PDB file of N, CA and C in Angstrom:
ATOM      1  N   MET A   1       3.246   0.372  -7.187  1.00  0.00           N
ATOM      2  CA  MET A   1       2.131   0.020  -6.725  1.00  0.00           C
ATOM      3  C   MET A   1       2.309  -1.687  -6.873  1.00  0.00           C
ATOM      4  N   VAL A   2       1.499  -2.361  -5.876  1.00  0.00           N
ATOM      5  CA  VAL A   2       1.648  -3.683  -5.871  1.00  0.00           C
ATOM      6  C   VAL A   2       0.316  -4.260  -6.041  1.00  0.00           C
ATOM      7  N   ARG A   3       0.234  -5.620  -6.713  1.00  0.00           N
ATOM      8  CA  ARG A   3      -1.025  -6.096  -7.061  1.00  0.00           C
ATOM      9  C   ARG A   3      -1.466  -6.957  -5.795  1.00  0.00           C
ATOM     10  N   PHE A   4      -2.679  -7.335  -5.684  1.00  0.00           N
ATOM     11  CA  PHE A   4      -3.070  -8.113  -4.520  1.00  0.00           C
ATOM     12  C   PHE A   4      -2.667  -9.381  -4.683  1.00  0.00           C
ATOM     13  N   GLY A   5      -1.883 -10.036  -3.769  1.00  0.00           N
ATOM     14  CA  GLY A   5      -1.459 -11.416  -3.873  1.00  0.00           C
ATOM     15  C   GLY A   5      -2.031 -12.065  -2.639  1.00  0.00           C
ATOM     16  N   TYR A   6      -1.427 -13.376  -2.536  1.00  0.00           N
ATOM     17  CA  TYR A   6      -1.803 -14.373  -1.329  1.00  0.00           C
ATOM     18  C   TYR A   6      -1.464 -13.585   0.042  1.00  0.00           C
ATOM     19  N   GLY A   7      -0.239 -12.983   0.105  1.00  0.00           N
ATOM     20  CA  GLY A   7       0.025 -12.468   1.472  1.00  0.00           C
ATOM     21  C   GLY A   7      -0.720 -11.409   1.937  1.00  0.00           C
ATOM     22  N   VAL A   8      -1.243 -10.590   0.965  1.00  0.00           N
ATOM     23  CA  VAL A   8      -2.233  -9.469   1.367  1.00  0.00           C
ATOM     24  C   VAL A   8      -3.547  -9.979   1.642  1.00  0.00           C
ATOM     25  N   LEU A   9      -3.974 -10.894   0.937  1.00  0.00           N
ATOM     26  CA  LEU A   9      -5.412 -11.561   1.247  1.00  0.00           C
ATOM     27  C   LEU A   9      -5.387 -12.258   2.574  1.00  0.00           C
ATOM     28  N   LYS A  10      -4.306 -13.104   2.747  1.00  0.00           N
ATOM     29  CA  LYS A  10      -4.069 -13.872   4.050  1.00  0.00           C
ATOM     30  C   LYS A  10      -4.227 -13.019   5.316  1.00  0.00           C
ATOM     31  N   ARG A  11      -3.989 -11.735   5.117  1.00  0.00           N
ATOM     32  CA  ARG A  11      -3.843 -10.737   6.380  1.00  0.00           C
ATOM     33  C   ARG A  11      -5.192  -9.891   6.424  1.00  0.00           C
ATOM     34  N   GLY A  12      -6.276 -10.291   5.737  1.00  0.00           N
ATOM     35  CA  GLY A  12      -7.656  -9.819   6.051  1.00  0.00           C
ATOM     36  C   GLY A  12      -7.937  -8.714   5.044  1.00  0.00           C
ATOM     37  N   PHE A  13      -7.134  -8.534   3.891  1.00  0.00           N
ATOM     38  CA  PHE A  13      -7.422  -7.514   3.003  1.00  0.00           C
ATOM     39  C   PHE A  13      -8.335  -8.332   1.987  1.00  0.00           C
ATOM     40  N   ARG A  14      -9.567  -7.534   1.431  1.00  0.00           N
ATOM     41  CA  ARG A  14     -10.339  -8.364   0.481  1.00  0.00           C
ATOM     42  C   ARG A  14     -10.110  -7.931  -0.923  1.00  0.00           C
ATOM     43  N   ARG A  15     -10.201  -8.922  -1.805  1.00  0.00           N
ATOM     44  CA  ARG A  15      -9.826  -8.622  -3.199  1.00  0.00           C
ATOM     45  C   ARG A  15     -10.825  -7.738  -3.681  1.00  0.00           C
ATOM     46  N   LYS A  16     -12.218  -7.622  -3.339  1.00  0.00           N
ATOM     47  CA  LYS A  16     -12.927  -6.617  -3.879  1.00  0.00           C
ATOM     48  C   LYS A  16     -12.657  -5.189  -3.387  1.00  0.00           C
ATOM     49  N   ASP A  17     -12.079  -4.867  -2.535  1.00  0.00           N
ATOM     50  CA  ASP A  17     -11.626  -3.629  -1.979  1.00  0.00           C
ATOM     51  C   ASP A  17     -10.217  -3.133  -2.580  1.00  0.00           C
ATOM     52  N   LYS A  18      -9.543  -3.836  -3.625  1.00  0.00           N
ATOM     53  CA  LYS A  18      -8.298  -3.413  -3.979  1.00  0.00           C
ATOM     54  C   LYS A  18      -8.258  -2.148  -4.770  1.00  0.00           C
ATOM     55  N   GLU A  19      -9.334  -1.660  -5.175  1.00  0.00           N
ATOM     56  CA  GLU A  19      -9.401  -0.303  -5.868  1.00  0.00           C
ATOM     57  C   GLU A  19      -9.295   0.694  -4.874  1.00  0.00           C
ATOM     58  N   TYR A  20      -9.534   0.511  -3.412  1.00  0.00           N
ATOM     59  CA  TYR A  20      -9.491   1.385  -2.427  1.00  0.00           C
ATOM     60  C   TYR A  20      -8.136   1.456  -1.632  1.00  0.00           C
ATOM     61  N   ILE A  21      -7.350   0.565  -1.947  1.00  0.00           N
ATOM     62  CA  ILE A  21      -5.950   0.410  -1.325  1.00  0.00           C
ATOM     63  C   ILE A  21      -4.848   0.560  -2.096  1.00  0.00           C
ATOM     64  N   ARG A  22      -4.023   1.144  -1.716  1.00  0.00           N
ATOM     65  CA  ARG A  22      -2.729   1.275  -2.447  1.00  0.00           C
ATOM     66  C   ARG A  22      -1.440   0.822  -1.498  1.00  0.00           C
ATOM     67  N   VAL A  23      -0.541   0.051  -1.950  1.00  0.00           N
ATOM     68  CA  VAL A  23       0.611  -0.334  -1.249  1.00  0.00           C
ATOM     69  C   VAL A  23       1.722   0.129  -1.888  1.00  0.00           C
ATOM     70  N   LEU A  24       2.766   0.653  -1.173  1.00  0.00           N
ATOM     71  CA  LEU A  24       3.852   1.017  -1.622  1.00  0.00           C
ATOM     72  C   LEU A  24       5.080   0.121  -1.168  1.00  0.00           C
ATOM     73  N   PRO A  25       5.425  -0.956  -1.900  1.00  0.00           N
ATOM     74  CA  PRO A  25       6.444  -1.809  -1.311  1.00  0.00           C
ATOM     75  C   PRO A  25       7.732  -1.308  -1.140  1.00  0.00           C
ATOM     76  N   GLU A  26       8.579  -1.531  -0.042  1.00  0.00           N
ATOM     77  CA  GLU A  26       9.891  -1.303   0.100  1.00  0.00           C
ATOM     78  C   GLU A  26      10.096   0.228   0.222  1.00  0.00           C
ATOM     79  N   TRP A  27       9.021   1.071   0.500  1.00  0.00           N
ATOM     80  CA  TRP A  27       9.105   2.450   0.492  1.00  0.00           C
ATOM     81  C   TRP A  27      10.099   2.899   1.729  1.00  0.00           C
ATOM     82  N   THR A  28      10.644   3.797   1.424  1.00  0.00           N
ATOM     83  CA  THR A  28      11.584   4.616   2.577  1.00  0.00           C
ATOM     84  C   THR A  28      11.382   5.957   2.651  1.00  0.00           C
ATOM     85  N   ILE A  29      11.811   6.544   3.787  1.00  0.00           N
ATOM     86  CA  ILE A  29      11.659   7.944   4.012  1.00  0.00           C
ATOM     87  C   ILE A  29      12.316   8.959   2.967  1.00  0.00           C
ATOM     88  N   ASP A  30      13.241   8.228   2.335  1.00  0.00           N
ATOM     89  CA  ASP A  30      14.061   8.963   1.167  1.00  0.00           C
ATOM     90  C   ASP A  30      13.064   9.166  -0.033  1.00  0.00           C
ATOM     91  N   GLN A  31      11.995   8.425   0.022  1.00  0.00           N
ATOM     92  CA  GLN A  31      11.035   8.455  -1.230  1.00  0.00           C
ATOM     93  C   GLN A  31       9.705   9.390  -0.889  1.00  0.00           C
ATOM     94  N   MET A  32      10.044  10.195  -0.154  1.00  0.00           N
ATOM     95  CA  MET A  32       8.734  11.023   0.413  1.00  0.00           C
ATOM     96  C   MET A  32       8.066  11.579  -0.810  1.00  0.00           C
ATOM     97  N   GLY A  33       8.792  12.098  -1.781  1.00  0.00           N
ATOM     98  CA  GLY A  33       8.144  12.578  -3.204  1.00  0.00           C
ATOM     99  C   GLY A  33       7.214  11.573  -3.678  1.00  0.00           C
ATOM    100  N   VAL A  34       7.643  10.229  -3.775  1.00  0.00           N
ATOM    101  CA  VAL A  34       6.803   9.290  -4.297  1.00  0.00           C
ATOM    102  C   VAL A  34       5.550   9.282  -3.546  1.00  0.00           C
ATOM    103  N   LEU A  35       5.516   9.041  -2.179  1.00  0.00           N
ATOM    104  CA  LEU A  35       4.477   9.024  -1.421  1.00  0.00           C
ATOM    105  C   LEU A  35       3.361  10.224  -1.530  1.00  0.00           C
ATOM    106  N   GLU A  36       4.161  11.463  -1.580  1.00  0.00           N
ATOM    107  CA  GLU A  36       3.370  12.646  -1.976  1.00  0.00           C
ATOM    108  C   GLU A  36       2.572  12.783  -3.262  1.00  0.00           C
ATOM    109  N   ALA A  37       3.113  12.199  -4.192  1.00  0.00           N
ATOM    110  CA  ALA A  37       2.606  12.193  -5.483  1.00  0.00           C
ATOM    111  C   ALA A  37       1.524  11.142  -5.577  1.00  0.00           C
ATOM    112  N   GLU A  38       1.639  10.128  -4.957  1.00  0.00           N
ATOM    113  CA  GLU A  38       0.627   8.960  -4.733  1.00  0.00           C
ATOM    114  C   GLU A  38      -0.656   9.483  -3.973  1.00  0.00           C
ATOM    115  N   LEU A  39      -0.294  10.114  -3.045  1.00  0.00           N
ATOM    116  CA  LEU A  39      -1.513  10.727  -2.239  1.00  0.00           C
ATOM    117  C   LEU A  39      -2.169  11.722  -3.112  1.00  0.00           C
ATOM    118  N   GLU A  40      -1.620  12.636  -3.672  1.00  0.00           N
ATOM    119  CA  GLU A  40      -2.221  13.622  -4.613  1.00  0.00           C
ATOM    120  C   GLU A  40      -2.994  13.094  -5.671  1.00  0.00           C
ATOM    121  N   ASP A  41      -2.660  11.815  -6.297  1.00  0.00           N
ATOM    122  CA  ASP A  41      -3.263  11.051  -7.202  1.00  0.00           C
ATOM    123  C   ASP A  41      -4.481  10.395  -6.657  1.00  0.00           C
ATOM    124  N   PHE A  42      -4.309   9.662  -5.427  1.00  0.00           N
ATOM    125  CA  PHE A  42      -5.148   8.776  -4.936  1.00  0.00           C
ATOM    126  C   PHE A  42      -6.212   9.422  -4.116  1.00  0.00           C
ATOM    127  N   ARG A  43      -5.804  10.299  -3.355  1.00  0.00           N
ATOM    128  CA  ARG A  43      -6.636  11.291  -2.518  1.00  0.00           C
ATOM    129  C   ARG A  43      -7.490  10.355  -1.380  1.00  0.00           C
ATOM    130  N   PRO A  44      -6.694   9.633  -0.652  1.00  0.00           N
ATOM    131  CA  PRO A  44      -7.292   8.823   0.456  1.00  0.00           C
ATOM    132  C   PRO A  44      -7.971   9.474   1.561  1.00  0.00           C
ATOM    133  N   ASP A  45      -8.951   8.965   2.284  1.00  0.00           N
ATOM    134  CA  ASP A  45      -9.455   9.480   3.563  1.00  0.00           C
ATOM    135  C   ASP A  45      -8.459   9.187   4.686  1.00  0.00           C
ATOM    136  N   VAL A  46      -7.947   8.166   4.610  1.00  0.00           N
ATOM    137  CA  VAL A  46      -6.950   7.714   5.675  1.00  0.00           C
ATOM    138  C   VAL A  46      -5.587   7.059   5.138  1.00  0.00           C
ATOM    139  N   VAL A  47      -4.445   7.401   5.760  1.00  0.00           N
ATOM    140  CA  VAL A  47      -3.159   6.873   5.438  1.00  0.00           C
ATOM    141  C   VAL A  47      -2.739   6.020   6.464  1.00  0.00           C
ATOM    142  N   ILE A  48      -2.170   4.741   6.356  1.00  0.00           N
ATOM    143  CA  ILE A  48      -1.507   4.018   7.349  1.00  0.00           C
ATOM    144  C   ILE A  48      -0.173   3.621   6.723  1.00  0.00           C
ATOM    145  N   VAL A  49       0.823   3.954   7.480  1.00  0.00           N
ATOM    146  CA  VAL A  49       2.338   3.649   7.203  1.00  0.00           C
ATOM    147  C   VAL A  49       2.469   2.547   8.220  1.00  0.00           C
ATOM    148  N   ASP A  50       2.913   1.229   7.728  1.00  0.00           N
ATOM    149  CA  ASP A  50       3.105   0.169   8.547  1.00  0.00           C
ATOM    150  C   ASP A  50       4.159  -0.652   7.647  1.00  0.00           C
ATOM    151  N   SER A  51       4.931  -1.496   8.501  1.00  0.00           N
ATOM    152  CA  SER A  51       5.961  -2.318   7.934  1.00  0.00           C
ATOM    153  C   SER A  51       5.178  -3.634   7.630  1.00  0.00           C
ATOM    154  N   LEU A  52       4.962  -3.872   6.286  1.00  0.00           N
ATOM    155  CA  LEU A  52       4.291  -5.132   5.957  1.00  0.00           C
ATOM    156  C   LEU A  52       5.466  -6.032   5.238  1.00  0.00           C
ATOM    157  N   ARG A  53       6.422  -6.022   5.974  1.00  0.00           N
ATOM    158  CA  ARG A  53       7.637  -6.789   5.417  1.00  0.00           C
ATOM    159  C   ARG A  53       7.317  -8.245   5.340  1.00  0.00           C
ATOM    160  N   ARG A  54       6.453  -8.985   6.264  1.00  0.00           N
ATOM    161  CA  ARG A  54       6.183 -10.133   6.187  1.00  0.00           C
ATOM    162  C   ARG A  54       5.160 -10.536   5.112  1.00  0.00           C
ATOM    163  N   ILE A  55       4.349  -9.729   4.594  1.00  0.00           N
ATOM    164  CA  ILE A  55       3.799 -10.010   3.372  1.00  0.00           C
ATOM    165  C   ILE A  55       4.413 -10.021   2.102  1.00  0.00           C
ATOM    166  N   PHE A  56       5.456  -9.222   2.019  1.00  0.00           N
ATOM    167  CA  PHE A  56       6.300  -9.203   0.804  1.00  0.00           C
ATOM    168  C   PHE A  56       7.698 -10.030   0.836  1.00  0.00           C
ATOM    169  N   ASN A  57       7.946 -10.451   1.860  1.00  0.00           N
ATOM    170  CA  ASN A  57       9.301 -11.345   1.804  1.00  0.00           C
ATOM    171  C   ASN A  57       9.010 -12.639   2.137  1.00  0.00           C
TER     172      ASN A  57
END
């Protein structure tokens, strides 16, 4: 997981919502097991898969 930094906040995420948002930086399709485990643990209502490369690079 990644902590909320300037790049995430700059793009509209709010610091107070950080307990409701999880980010897997540099995730690839080869790490599907990691995603599945995270989803089982977190149990989100919605999952968005997006390239947030500009936030972390």
